């Protein structure tokens, strides 16, 4: 019985520790599939938060095209 509880506790600890990495990988995947090829290359070299990268692309697009531009909808 103790062996089963120890195994369950170890498995739960592994899942809890792996969750942030899995969530970050999922966000990176979701953002990467929305980008065009030029932005995707820049994103692959990005070491920071994926949401911050998308926000910087949105800000760059709004500076170029104006705030609320339909051309920037893919970055929202």
Protein backbone atom coordinates (compact mmCIF):
# COMPACT_ATOMS: atom_id res chain seq x y z
CA UNK A 1 0.00 0.00 0.00
CA UNK A 2 2.79 2.43 0.91
CA UNK A 3 4.60 1.58 -2.31
CA UNK A 4 1.50 2.46 -4.35
CA UNK A 5 1.04 5.75 -2.48
CA UNK A 6 4.70 6.62 -2.97
CA UNK A 7 4.43 5.91 -6.70
CA UNK A 8 1.28 8.03 -6.98
CA UNK A 9 2.92 10.89 -5.06
CA UNK A 10 6.03 10.74 -7.28
CA UNK A 11 3.89 10.71 -10.41
CA UNK A 12 1.86 13.68 -9.16
CA UNK A 13 5.05 15.61 -8.40
CA UNK A 14 6.42 14.93 -11.89
CA UNK A 15 3.16 16.12 -13.47
CA UNK A 16 3.12 19.29 -11.36
CA UNK A 17 6.73 20.09 -12.26
CA UNK A 18 6.21 19.42 -16.00
CA UNK A 19 3.03 21.52 -16.32
CA UNK A 20 4.71 24.96 -16.79
CA UNK A 21 6.98 23.58 -19.51
CA UNK A 22 4.08 21.95 -21.33
CA UNK A 23 2.03 25.14 -21.13
CA UNK A 24 4.90 27.22 -22.54
CA UNK A 25 5.40 24.74 -25.37
CA UNK A 26 1.70 24.89 -26.20
CA UNK A 27 1.71 28.71 -26.28
CA UNK A 28 4.78 28.69 -28.53
CA UNK A 29 3.06 26.25 -30.89
CA UNK A 30 -0.15 28.30 -31.04
CA UNK A 31 1.72 31.54 -31.75
CA UNK A 32 4.12 29.99 -34.27
CA UNK A 33 1.33 28.61 -36.43
CA UNK A 34 -0.17 32.11 -36.84
CA UNK A 35 3.04 33.76 -38.01
CA UNK A 36 4.30 34.18 -41.55
CA UNK A 37 7.68 32.70 -42.50
CA UNK A 38 9.74 35.84 -41.78
CA UNK A 39 8.24 36.33 -38.33
CA UNK A 40 8.47 32.58 -37.61
CA UNK A 41 12.25 32.69 -38.09
CA UNK A 42 12.50 35.61 -35.66
CA UNK A 43 10.25 33.75 -33.22
CA UNK A 44 12.47 30.65 -33.33
CA UNK A 45 15.38 32.82 -32.16
CA UNK A 46 13.24 34.49 -29.45
CA UNK A 47 14.18 33.32 -25.96
CA UNK A 48 11.53 35.23 -24.03
CA UNK A 49 7.83 34.89 -23.40
CA UNK A 50 5.81 33.98 -26.52
CA UNK A 51 3.03 36.41 -25.63
CA UNK A 52 5.55 39.24 -25.35
CA UNK A 53 6.84 38.44 -28.84
CA UNK A 54 3.31 38.58 -30.24
CA UNK A 55 2.69 41.87 -28.43
CA UNK A 56 5.85 43.36 -29.95
CA UNK A 57 4.69 42.30 -33.43
CA UNK A 58 1.30 43.90 -32.79
CA UNK A 59 2.91 47.15 -31.64
CA UNK A 60 5.19 47.18 -34.70
CA UNK A 61 2.23 46.58 -37.00
CA UNK A 62 0.18 49.33 -35.34
CA UNK A 63 3.06 51.78 -35.69
CA UNK A 64 3.26 50.99 -39.39
CA UNK A 65 -0.45 50.72 -40.23
CA UNK A 66 -2.12 52.72 -37.48
CA UNK A 67 -3.97 51.61 -34.35
CA UNK A 68 -6.84 49.19 -34.92
CA UNK A 69 -5.78 48.42 -38.48
CA UNK A 70 -7.31 45.27 -40.02
CA UNK A 71 -3.82 44.29 -41.23
CA UNK A 72 -2.87 43.71 -37.59
CA UNK A 73 -5.72 41.32 -36.77
CA UNK A 74 -3.52 38.25 -37.11
CA UNK A 75 -1.42 39.49 -34.16
CA UNK A 76 -4.34 39.94 -31.78
